[in-house]
Amino acid sequence: MGQKISVILYTRPGCHLCEVAKTQILAAQCADLYELQEVNIETDPELVERYGTLIPVITVNGEDRFRYRVSPAEFRESVLKAAAAST
């Protein structure tokens, strides 16, 4: 297997939907394909301006793929597509 897919979960403290999104990501059962980074948007004014109340936002290889909600199946499909495109 090559390089892992980059997945970023943009979040903020106390965000219930962010916790749900993280649970859904983990439920996709494809953690061997990606590296997850959680980013608190409140640490960067540019991120607050960009995402504000749109969180959670999930990017896959730098592309915004999901906002607010994601299902395990949708997330897994996105990661598999990104992995296929990077080979």
PDB file of N, CA and C in Angstrom:
ATOM      1  N   MET A   1       0.847  -1.193   0.000  1.00  0.00           N
ATOM      2  CA  MET A   1       0.000   0.000   0.000  1.00  0.00           C
ATOM      3  C   MET A   1       0.880   1.240   0.000  1.00  0.00           C
ATOM      4  N   GLY A   2       0.439   2.271  -0.703  1.00  0.00           N
ATOM      5  CA  GLY A   2       1.192   3.507  -0.795  1.00  0.00           C
ATOM      6  C   GLY A   2       0.906   4.435   0.366  1.00  0.00           C
ATOM      7  N   GLN A   3       1.033   5.704   0.085  1.00  0.00           N
ATOM      8  CA  GLN A   3       0.808   6.740   1.093  1.00  0.00           C
ATOM      9  C   GLN A   3      -0.658   6.770   1.519  1.00  0.00           C
ATOM     10  N   LYS A   4      -0.866   7.015   2.818  1.00  0.00           N
ATOM     11  CA  LYS A   4      -2.236   7.083   3.330  1.00  0.00           C
ATOM     12  C   LYS A   4      -2.928   8.365   2.877  1.00  0.00           C
ATOM     13  N   ILE A   5      -4.245   8.281   2.758  1.00  0.00           N
ATOM     14  CA  ILE A   5      -5.075   9.419   2.394  1.00  0.00           C
ATOM     15  C   ILE A   5      -5.130  10.384   3.579  1.00  0.00           C
ATOM     16  N   SER A   6      -5.066  11.667   3.292  1.00  0.00           N
ATOM     17  CA  SER A   6      -5.169  12.685   4.331  1.00  0.00           C
ATOM     18  C   SER A   6      -6.636  13.033   4.569  1.00  0.00           C
ATOM     19  N   VAL A   7      -7.087  12.857   5.805  1.00  0.00           N
ATOM     20  CA  VAL A   7      -8.452  13.218   6.191  1.00  0.00           C
ATOM     21  C   VAL A   7      -8.352  14.224   7.328  1.00  0.00           C
ATOM     22  N   ILE A   8      -9.024  15.355   7.165  1.00  0.00           N
ATOM     23  CA  ILE A   8      -9.041  16.375   8.217  1.00  0.00           C
ATOM     24  C   ILE A   8     -10.485  16.594   8.638  1.00  0.00           C
ATOM     25  N   LEU A   9     -10.680  16.557   9.946  1.00  0.00           N
ATOM     26  CA  LEU A   9     -11.986  16.845  10.539  1.00  0.00           C
ATOM     27  C   LEU A   9     -11.881  18.214  11.198  1.00  0.00           C
ATOM     28  N   TYR A  10     -12.526  19.213  10.598  1.00  0.00           N
ATOM     29  CA  TYR A  10     -12.544  20.559  11.174  1.00  0.00           C
ATOM     30  C   TYR A  10     -13.658  20.604  12.216  1.00  0.00           C
ATOM     31  N   THR A  11     -13.300  21.029  13.412  1.00  0.00           N
ATOM     32  CA  THR A  11     -14.196  20.959  14.554  1.00  0.00           C
ATOM     33  C   THR A  11     -13.990  22.157  15.463  1.00  0.00           C
ATOM     34  N   ARG A  12     -14.727  22.172  16.566  1.00  0.00           N
ATOM     35  CA  ARG A  12     -14.506  23.156  17.632  1.00  0.00           C
ATOM     36  C   ARG A  12     -14.987  22.512  18.925  1.00  0.00           C
ATOM     37  N   PRO A  13     -14.509  22.985  20.061  1.00  0.00           N
ATOM     38  CA  PRO A  13     -14.915  22.402  21.342  1.00  0.00           C
ATOM     39  C   PRO A  13     -16.432  22.462  21.541  1.00  0.00           C
ATOM     40  N   GLY A  14     -16.981  21.369  22.057  1.00  0.00           N
ATOM     41  CA  GLY A  14     -18.403  21.327  22.363  1.00  0.00           C
ATOM     42  C   GLY A  14     -19.306  21.063  21.179  1.00  0.00           C
ATOM     43  N   CYS A  15     -18.751  20.712  20.045  1.00  0.00           N
ATOM     44  CA  CYS A  15     -19.537  20.477  18.830  1.00  0.00           C
ATOM     45  C   CYS A  15     -20.047  19.032  18.819  1.00  0.00           C
ATOM     46  N   HIS A  16     -21.333  18.881  19.098  1.00  0.00           N
ATOM     47  CA  HIS A  16     -21.929  17.548  19.128  1.00  0.00           C
ATOM     48  C   HIS A  16     -21.891  16.884  17.751  1.00  0.00           C
ATOM     49  N   LEU A  17     -22.212  17.612  16.705  1.00  0.00           N
ATOM     50  CA  LEU A  17     -22.174  17.036  15.360  1.00  0.00           C
ATOM     51  C   LEU A  17     -20.764  16.579  14.970  1.00  0.00           C
ATOM     52  N   CYS A  18     -19.759  17.256  15.503  1.00  0.00           N
ATOM     53  CA  CYS A  18     -18.374  16.860  15.230  1.00  0.00           C
ATOM     54  C   CYS A  18     -18.068  15.505  15.856  1.00  0.00           C
ATOM     55  N   GLU A  19     -18.557  15.294  17.060  1.00  0.00           N
ATOM     56  CA  GLU A  19     -18.358  14.002  17.725  1.00  0.00           C
ATOM     57  C   GLU A  19     -19.079  12.894  16.955  1.00  0.00           C
ATOM     58  N   VAL A  20     -20.278  13.181  16.487  1.00  0.00           N
ATOM     59  CA  VAL A  20     -21.028  12.205  15.691  1.00  0.00           C
ATOM     60  C   VAL A  20     -20.269  11.895  14.403  1.00  0.00           C
ATOM     61  N   ALA A  21     -19.756  12.917  13.737  1.00  0.00           N
ATOM     62  CA  ALA A  21     -19.010  12.720  12.494  1.00  0.00           C
ATOM     63  C   ALA A  21     -17.782  11.849  12.727  1.00  0.00           C
ATOM     64  N   LYS A  22     -17.070  12.092  13.822  1.00  0.00           N
ATOM     65  CA  LYS A  22     -15.883  11.283  14.126  1.00  0.00           C
ATOM     66  C   LYS A  22     -16.279   9.826  14.352  1.00  0.00           C
ATOM     67  N   THR A  23     -17.378   9.602  15.046  1.00  0.00           N
ATOM     68  CA  THR A  23     -17.870   8.247  15.272  1.00  0.00           C
ATOM     69  C   THR A  23     -18.194   7.571  13.940  1.00  0.00           C
ATOM     70  N   GLN A  24     -18.810   8.308  13.030  1.00  0.00           N
ATOM     71  CA  GLN A  24     -19.156   7.761  11.716  1.00  0.00           C
ATOM     72  C   GLN A  24     -17.901   7.437  10.896  1.00  0.00           C
ATOM     73  N   ILE A  25     -16.907   8.307  10.988  1.00  0.00           N
ATOM     74  CA  ILE A  25     -15.636   8.072  10.292  1.00  0.00           C
ATOM     75  C   ILE A  25     -15.024   6.757  10.779  1.00  0.00           C
ATOM     76  N   LEU A  26     -14.963   6.588  12.088  1.00  0.00           N
ATOM     77  CA  LEU A  26     -14.373   5.373  12.655  1.00  0.00           C
ATOM     78  C   LEU A  26     -15.204   4.141  12.315  1.00  0.00           C
ATOM     79  N   ALA A  27     -16.515   4.296  12.230  1.00  0.00           N
ATOM     80  CA  ALA A  27     -17.403   3.179  11.903  1.00  0.00           C
ATOM     81  C   ALA A  27     -17.239   2.711  10.454  1.00  0.00           C
ATOM     82  N   ALA A  28     -16.613   3.520   9.615  1.00  0.00           N
ATOM     83  CA  ALA A  28     -16.401   3.149   8.215  1.00  0.00           C
ATOM     84  C   ALA A  28     -15.414   1.992   8.079  1.00  0.00           C
ATOM     85  N   GLN A  29     -14.665   1.731   9.112  1.00  0.00           N
ATOM     86  CA  GLN A  29     -13.728   0.613   9.177  1.00  0.00           C
ATOM     87  C   GLN A  29     -12.741   0.575   8.007  1.00  0.00           C
ATOM     88  N   CYS A  30     -12.153   1.724   7.744  1.00  0.00           N
ATOM     89  CA  CYS A  30     -11.114   1.787   6.711  1.00  0.00           C
ATOM     90  C   CYS A  30      -9.929   2.618   7.201  1.00  0.00           C
ATOM     91  N   ALA A  31      -9.702   2.610   8.517  1.00  0.00           N
ATOM     92  CA  ALA A  31      -8.659   3.439   9.126  1.00  0.00           C
ATOM     93  C   ALA A  31      -7.264   3.125   8.593  1.00  0.00           C
ATOM     94  N   ASP A  32      -7.076   1.946   8.042  1.00  0.00           N
ATOM     95  CA  ASP A  32      -5.776   1.592   7.485  1.00  0.00           C
ATOM     96  C   ASP A  32      -5.462   2.367   6.205  1.00  0.00           C
ATOM     97  N   LEU A  33      -6.472   3.020   5.634  1.00  0.00           N
ATOM     98  CA  LEU A  33      -6.288   3.748   4.381  1.00  0.00           C
ATOM     99  C   LEU A  33      -6.028   5.243   4.554  1.00  0.00           C
ATOM    100  N   TYR A  34      -6.311   5.776   5.730  1.00  0.00           N
ATOM    101  CA  TYR A  34      -6.189   7.225   5.900  1.00  0.00           C
ATOM    102  C   TYR A  34      -5.534   7.589   7.222  1.00  0.00           C
ATOM    103  N   GLU A  35      -5.092   8.828   7.273  1.00  0.00           N
ATOM    104  CA  GLU A  35      -4.564   9.408   8.498  1.00  0.00           C
ATOM    105  C   GLU A  35      -5.485  10.564   8.870  1.00  0.00           C
ATOM    106  N   LEU A  36      -6.100  10.467  10.056  1.00  0.00           N
ATOM    107  CA  LEU A  36      -7.067  11.469  10.502  1.00  0.00           C
ATOM    108  C   LEU A  36      -6.394  12.532  11.354  1.00  0.00           C
ATOM    109  N   GLN A  37      -6.659  13.778  11.006  1.00  0.00           N
ATOM    110  CA  GLN A  37      -6.190  14.921  11.782  1.00  0.00           C
ATOM    111  C   GLN A  37      -7.417  15.728  12.183  1.00  0.00           C
ATOM    112  N   GLU A  38      -7.534  16.036  13.459  1.00  0.00           N
ATOM    113  CA  GLU A  38      -8.623  16.892  13.925  1.00  0.00           C
ATOM    114  C   GLU A  38      -8.069  18.294  14.117  1.00  0.00           C
ATOM    115  N   VAL A  39      -8.779  19.283  13.569  1.00  0.00           N
ATOM    116  CA  VAL A  39      -8.331  20.672  13.648  1.00  0.00           C
ATOM    117  C   VAL A  39      -9.428  21.507  14.296  1.00  0.00           C
ATOM    118  N   ASN A  40      -9.079  22.139  15.399  1.00  0.00           N
ATOM    119  CA  ASN A  40      -9.984  23.062  16.089  1.00  0.00           C
ATOM    120  C   ASN A  40      -9.936  24.392  15.344  1.00  0.00           C
ATOM    121  N   ILE A  41     -11.031  24.756  14.684  1.00  0.00           N
ATOM    122  CA  ILE A  41     -11.025  25.982  13.882  1.00  0.00           C
ATOM    123  C   ILE A  41     -10.814  27.230  14.724  1.00  0.00           C
ATOM    124  N   GLU A  42     -11.115  27.157  16.016  1.00  0.00           N
ATOM    125  CA  GLU A  42     -10.981  28.329  16.872  1.00  0.00           C
ATOM    126  C   GLU A  42      -9.532  28.722  17.129  1.00  0.00           C
ATOM    127  N   THR A  43      -8.584  27.899  16.694  1.00  0.00           N
ATOM    128  CA  THR A  43      -7.172  28.239  16.858  1.00  0.00           C
ATOM    129  C   THR A  43      -6.638  29.087  15.709  1.00  0.00           C
ATOM    130  N   ASP A  44      -7.472  29.331  14.692  1.00  0.00           N
ATOM    131  CA  ASP A  44      -7.028  30.055  13.505  1.00  0.00           C
ATOM    132  C   ASP A  44      -8.170  30.929  12.977  1.00  0.00           C
ATOM    133  N   PRO A  45      -8.016  32.255  13.048  1.00  0.00           N
ATOM    134  CA  PRO A  45      -9.077  33.154  12.580  1.00  0.00           C
ATOM    135  C   PRO A  45      -9.498  32.899  11.128  1.00  0.00           C
ATOM    136  N   GLU A  46      -8.567  32.499  10.273  1.00  0.00           N
ATOM    137  CA  GLU A  46      -8.914  32.205   8.880  1.00  0.00           C
ATOM    138  C   GLU A  46      -9.850  31.008   8.785  1.00  0.00           C
ATOM    139  N   LEU A  47      -9.620  30.000   9.622  1.00  0.00           N
ATOM    140  CA  LEU A  47     -10.496  28.824   9.621  1.00  0.00           C
ATOM    141  C   LEU A  47     -11.879  29.173  10.165  1.00  0.00           C
ATOM    142  N   VAL A  48     -11.915  30.045  11.179  1.00  0.00           N
ATOM    143  CA  VAL A  48     -13.209  30.482  11.710  1.00  0.00           C
ATOM    144  C   VAL A  48     -13.985  31.213  10.618  1.00  0.00           C
ATOM    145  N   GLU A  49     -13.297  32.064   9.879  1.00  0.00           N
ATOM    146  CA  GLU A  49     -13.952  32.802   8.800  1.00  0.00           C
ATOM    147  C   GLU A  49     -14.408  31.856   7.689  1.00  0.00           C
ATOM    148  N   ARG A  50     -13.578  30.890   7.371  1.00  0.00           N
ATOM    149  CA  ARG A  50     -13.884  29.964   6.269  1.00  0.00           C
ATOM    150  C   ARG A  50     -15.015  28.999   6.619  1.00  0.00           C
ATOM    151  N   TYR A  51     -14.972  28.429   7.827  1.00  0.00           N
ATOM    152  CA  TYR A  51     -15.931  27.383   8.181  1.00  0.00           C
ATOM    153  C   TYR A  51     -17.020  27.825   9.147  1.00  0.00           C
ATOM    154  N   GLY A  52     -16.732  28.775  10.024  1.00  0.00           N
ATOM    155  CA  GLY A  52     -17.726  29.311  10.953  1.00  0.00           C
ATOM    156  C   GLY A  52     -18.661  28.274  11.521  1.00  0.00           C
ATOM    157  N   THR A  53     -19.937  28.338  11.141  1.00  0.00           N
ATOM    158  CA  THR A  53     -20.938  27.407  11.658  1.00  0.00           C
ATOM    159  C   THR A  53     -21.167  26.218  10.726  1.00  0.00           C
ATOM    160  N   LEU A  54     -20.320  26.041   9.732  1.00  0.00           N
ATOM    161  CA  LEU A  54     -20.479  24.938   8.791  1.00  0.00           C
ATOM    162  C   LEU A  54     -19.942  23.613   9.318  1.00  0.00           C
ATOM    163  N   ILE A  55     -19.326  23.634  10.482  1.00  0.00           N
ATOM    164  CA  ILE A  55     -18.686  22.431  10.993  1.00  0.00           C
ATOM    165  C   ILE A  55     -19.695  21.401  11.469  1.00  0.00           C
ATOM    166  N   PRO A  56     -19.318  20.164  11.483  1.00  0.00           N
ATOM    167  CA  PRO A  56     -18.013  19.668  11.064  1.00  0.00           C
ATOM    168  C   PRO A  56     -17.857  19.680   9.544  1.00  0.00           C
ATOM    169  N   VAL A  57     -16.633  19.896   9.129  1.00  0.00           N
ATOM    170  CA  VAL A  57     -16.258  19.768   7.727  1.00  0.00           C
ATOM    171  C   VAL A  57     -15.184  18.696   7.669  1.00  0.00           C
ATOM    172  N   ILE A  58     -15.337  17.790   6.716  1.00  0.00           N
ATOM    173  CA  ILE A  58     -14.359  16.714   6.547  1.00  0.00           C
ATOM    174  C   ILE A  58     -13.752  16.863   5.168  1.00  0.00           C
ATOM    175  N   THR A  59     -12.426  16.956   5.126  1.00  0.00           N
ATOM    176  CA  THR A  59     -11.729  17.005   3.849  1.00  0.00           C
ATOM    177  C   THR A  59     -11.043  15.664   3.616  1.00  0.00           C
ATOM    178  N   VAL A  60     -10.990  15.284   2.355  1.00  0.00           N
ATOM    179  CA  VAL A  60     -10.290  14.078   1.941  1.00  0.00           C
ATOM    180  C   VAL A  60      -9.279  14.508   0.893  1.00  0.00           C
ATOM    181  N   ASN A  61      -7.996  14.326   1.221  1.00  0.00           N
ATOM    182  CA  ASN A  61      -6.896  14.781   0.356  1.00  0.00           C
ATOM    183  C   ASN A  61      -7.060  16.239  -0.052  1.00  0.00           C
ATOM    184  N   GLY A  62      -7.407  17.082   0.919  1.00  0.00           N
ATOM    185  CA  GLY A  62      -7.465  18.520   0.708  1.00  0.00           C
ATOM    186  C   GLY A  62      -8.749  19.046   0.093  1.00  0.00           C
ATOM    187  N   GLU A  63      -9.682  18.167  -0.224  1.00  0.00           N
ATOM    188  CA  GLU A  63     -10.944  18.585  -0.841  1.00  0.00           C
ATOM    189  C   GLU A  63     -12.086  18.476   0.170  1.00  0.00           C
ATOM    190  N   ASP A  64     -12.830  19.567   0.349  1.00  0.00           N
ATOM    191  CA  ASP A  64     -13.999  19.516   1.236  1.00  0.00           C
ATOM    192  C   ASP A  64     -14.983  18.491   0.678  1.00  0.00           C
ATOM    193  N   ARG A  65     -15.260  17.447   1.460  1.00  0.00           N
ATOM    194  CA  ARG A  65     -16.140  16.382   0.984  1.00  0.00           C
ATOM    195  C   ARG A  65     -17.468  16.316   1.733  1.00  0.00           C
ATOM    196  N   PHE A  66     -17.451  16.646   3.045  1.00  0.00           N
ATOM    197  CA  PHE A  66     -18.665  16.517   3.838  1.00  0.00           C
ATOM    198  C   PHE A  66     -18.799  17.697   4.792  1.00  0.00           C
ATOM    199  N   ARG A  67     -20.052  18.104   5.013  1.00  0.00           N
ATOM    200  CA  ARG A  67     -20.372  19.138   6.001  1.00  0.00           C
ATOM    201  C   ARG A  67     -21.533  18.634   6.835  1.00  0.00           C
ATOM    202  N   TYR A  68     -21.479  18.937   8.095  1.00  0.00           N
ATOM    203  CA  TYR A  68     -22.530  18.605   9.066  1.00  0.00           C
ATOM    204  C   TYR A  68     -22.629  17.112   9.360  1.00  0.00           C
ATOM    205  N   ARG A  69     -22.909  16.304   8.346  1.00  0.00           N
ATOM    206  CA  ARG A  69     -23.140  14.870   8.582  1.00  0.00           C
ATOM    207  C   ARG A  69     -22.444  14.032   7.507  1.00  0.00           C
ATOM    208  N   VAL A  70     -22.114  12.800   7.914  1.00  0.00           N
ATOM    209  CA  VAL A  70     -21.546  11.824   6.984  1.00  0.00           C
ATOM    210  C   VAL A  70     -21.935  10.440   7.479  1.00  0.00           C
ATOM    211  N   SER A  71     -22.179   9.542   6.562  1.00  0.00           N
ATOM    212  CA  SER A  71     -22.449   8.159   6.949  1.00  0.00           C
ATOM    213  C   SER A  71     -21.158   7.356   6.775  1.00  0.00           C
ATOM    214  N   PRO A  72     -21.031   6.255   7.486  1.00  0.00           N
ATOM    215  CA  PRO A  72     -19.842   5.411   7.299  1.00  0.00           C
ATOM    216  C   PRO A  72     -19.659   4.991   5.835  1.00  0.00           C
ATOM    217  N   ALA A  73     -20.755   4.633   5.165  1.00  0.00           N
ATOM    218  CA  ALA A  73     -20.657   4.186   3.772  1.00  0.00           C
ATOM    219  C   ALA A  73     -20.167   5.308   2.853  1.00  0.00           C
ATOM    220  N   GLU A  74     -20.683   6.522   3.048  1.00  0.00           N
ATOM    221  CA  GLU A  74     -20.254   7.669   2.227  1.00  0.00           C
ATOM    222  C   GLU A  74     -18.777   7.973   2.460  1.00  0.00           C
ATOM    223  N   PHE A  75     -18.372   7.942   3.724  1.00  0.00           N
ATOM    224  CA  PHE A  75     -16.988   8.237   4.040  1.00  0.00           C
ATOM    225  C   PHE A  75     -16.060   7.178   3.431  1.00  0.00           C
ATOM    226  N   ARG A  76     -16.413   5.922   3.625  1.00  0.00           N
ATOM    227  CA  ARG A  76     -15.594   4.835   3.087  1.00  0.00           C
ATOM    228  C   ARG A  76     -15.463   4.952   1.564  1.00  0.00           C
ATOM    229  N   GLU A  77     -16.563   5.225   0.886  1.00  0.00           N
ATOM    230  CA  GLU A  77     -16.531   5.375  -0.572  1.00  0.00           C
ATOM    231  C   GLU A  77     -15.602   6.513  -0.986  1.00  0.00           C
ATOM    232  N   SER A  78     -15.667   7.617  -0.276  1.00  0.00           N
ATOM    233  CA  SER A  78     -14.810   8.765  -0.588  1.00  0.00           C
ATOM    234  C   SER A  78     -13.330   8.426  -0.407  1.00  0.00           C
ATOM    235  N   VAL A  79     -13.021   7.727   0.674  1.00  0.00           N
ATOM    236  CA  VAL A  79     -11.624   7.345   0.940  1.00  0.00           C
ATOM    237  C   VAL A  79     -11.143   6.350  -0.118  1.00  0.00           C
ATOM    238  N   LEU A  80     -11.976   5.381  -0.449  1.00  0.00           N
ATOM    239  CA  LEU A  80     -11.585   4.390  -1.461  1.00  0.00           C
ATOM    240  C   LEU A  80     -11.350   5.050  -2.821  1.00  0.00           C
ATOM    241  N   LYS A  81     -12.187   6.007  -3.191  1.00  0.00           N
ATOM    242  CA  LYS A  81     -12.003   6.739  -4.453  1.00  0.00           C
ATOM    243  C   LYS A  81     -10.692   7.524  -4.425  1.00  0.00           C
ATOM    244  N   ALA A  82     -10.422   8.174  -3.307  1.00  0.00           N
ATOM    245  CA  ALA A  82      -9.184   8.951  -3.185  1.00  0.00           C
ATOM    246  C   ALA A  82      -7.971   8.033  -3.248  1.00  0.00           C
ATOM    247  N   ALA A  83      -8.053   6.876  -2.622  1.00  0.00           N
ATOM    248  CA  ALA A  83      -6.947   5.923  -2.649  1.00  0.00           C
ATOM    249  C   ALA A  83      -6.713   5.413  -4.070  1.00  0.00           C
ATOM    250  N   ALA A  84      -7.786   5.116  -4.783  1.00  0.00           N
ATOM    251  CA  ALA A  84      -7.653   4.637  -6.168  1.00  0.00           C
ATOM    252  C   ALA A  84      -7.054   5.713  -7.074  1.00  0.00           C
ATOM    253  N   ALA A  85      -7.434   6.957  -6.826  1.00  0.00           N
ATOM    254  CA  ALA A  85      -6.925   8.063  -7.658  1.00  0.00           C
ATOM    255  C   ALA A  85      -5.460   8.361  -7.392  1.00  0.00           C
ATOM    256  N   SER A  86      -4.965   7.992  -6.206  1.00  0.00           N
ATOM    257  CA  SER A  86      -3.579   8.324  -5.866  1.00  0.00           C
ATOM    258  C   SER A  86      -2.611   7.199  -6.190  1.00  0.00           C
ATOM    259  N   THR A  87      -3.099   6.131  -6.819  1.00  0.00           N
ATOM    260  CA  THR A  87      -2.182   5.030  -7.169  1.00  0.00           C
ATOM    261  C   THR A  87      -1.742   5.112  -8.591  1.00  0.00           C
TER     262      THR A  87
END
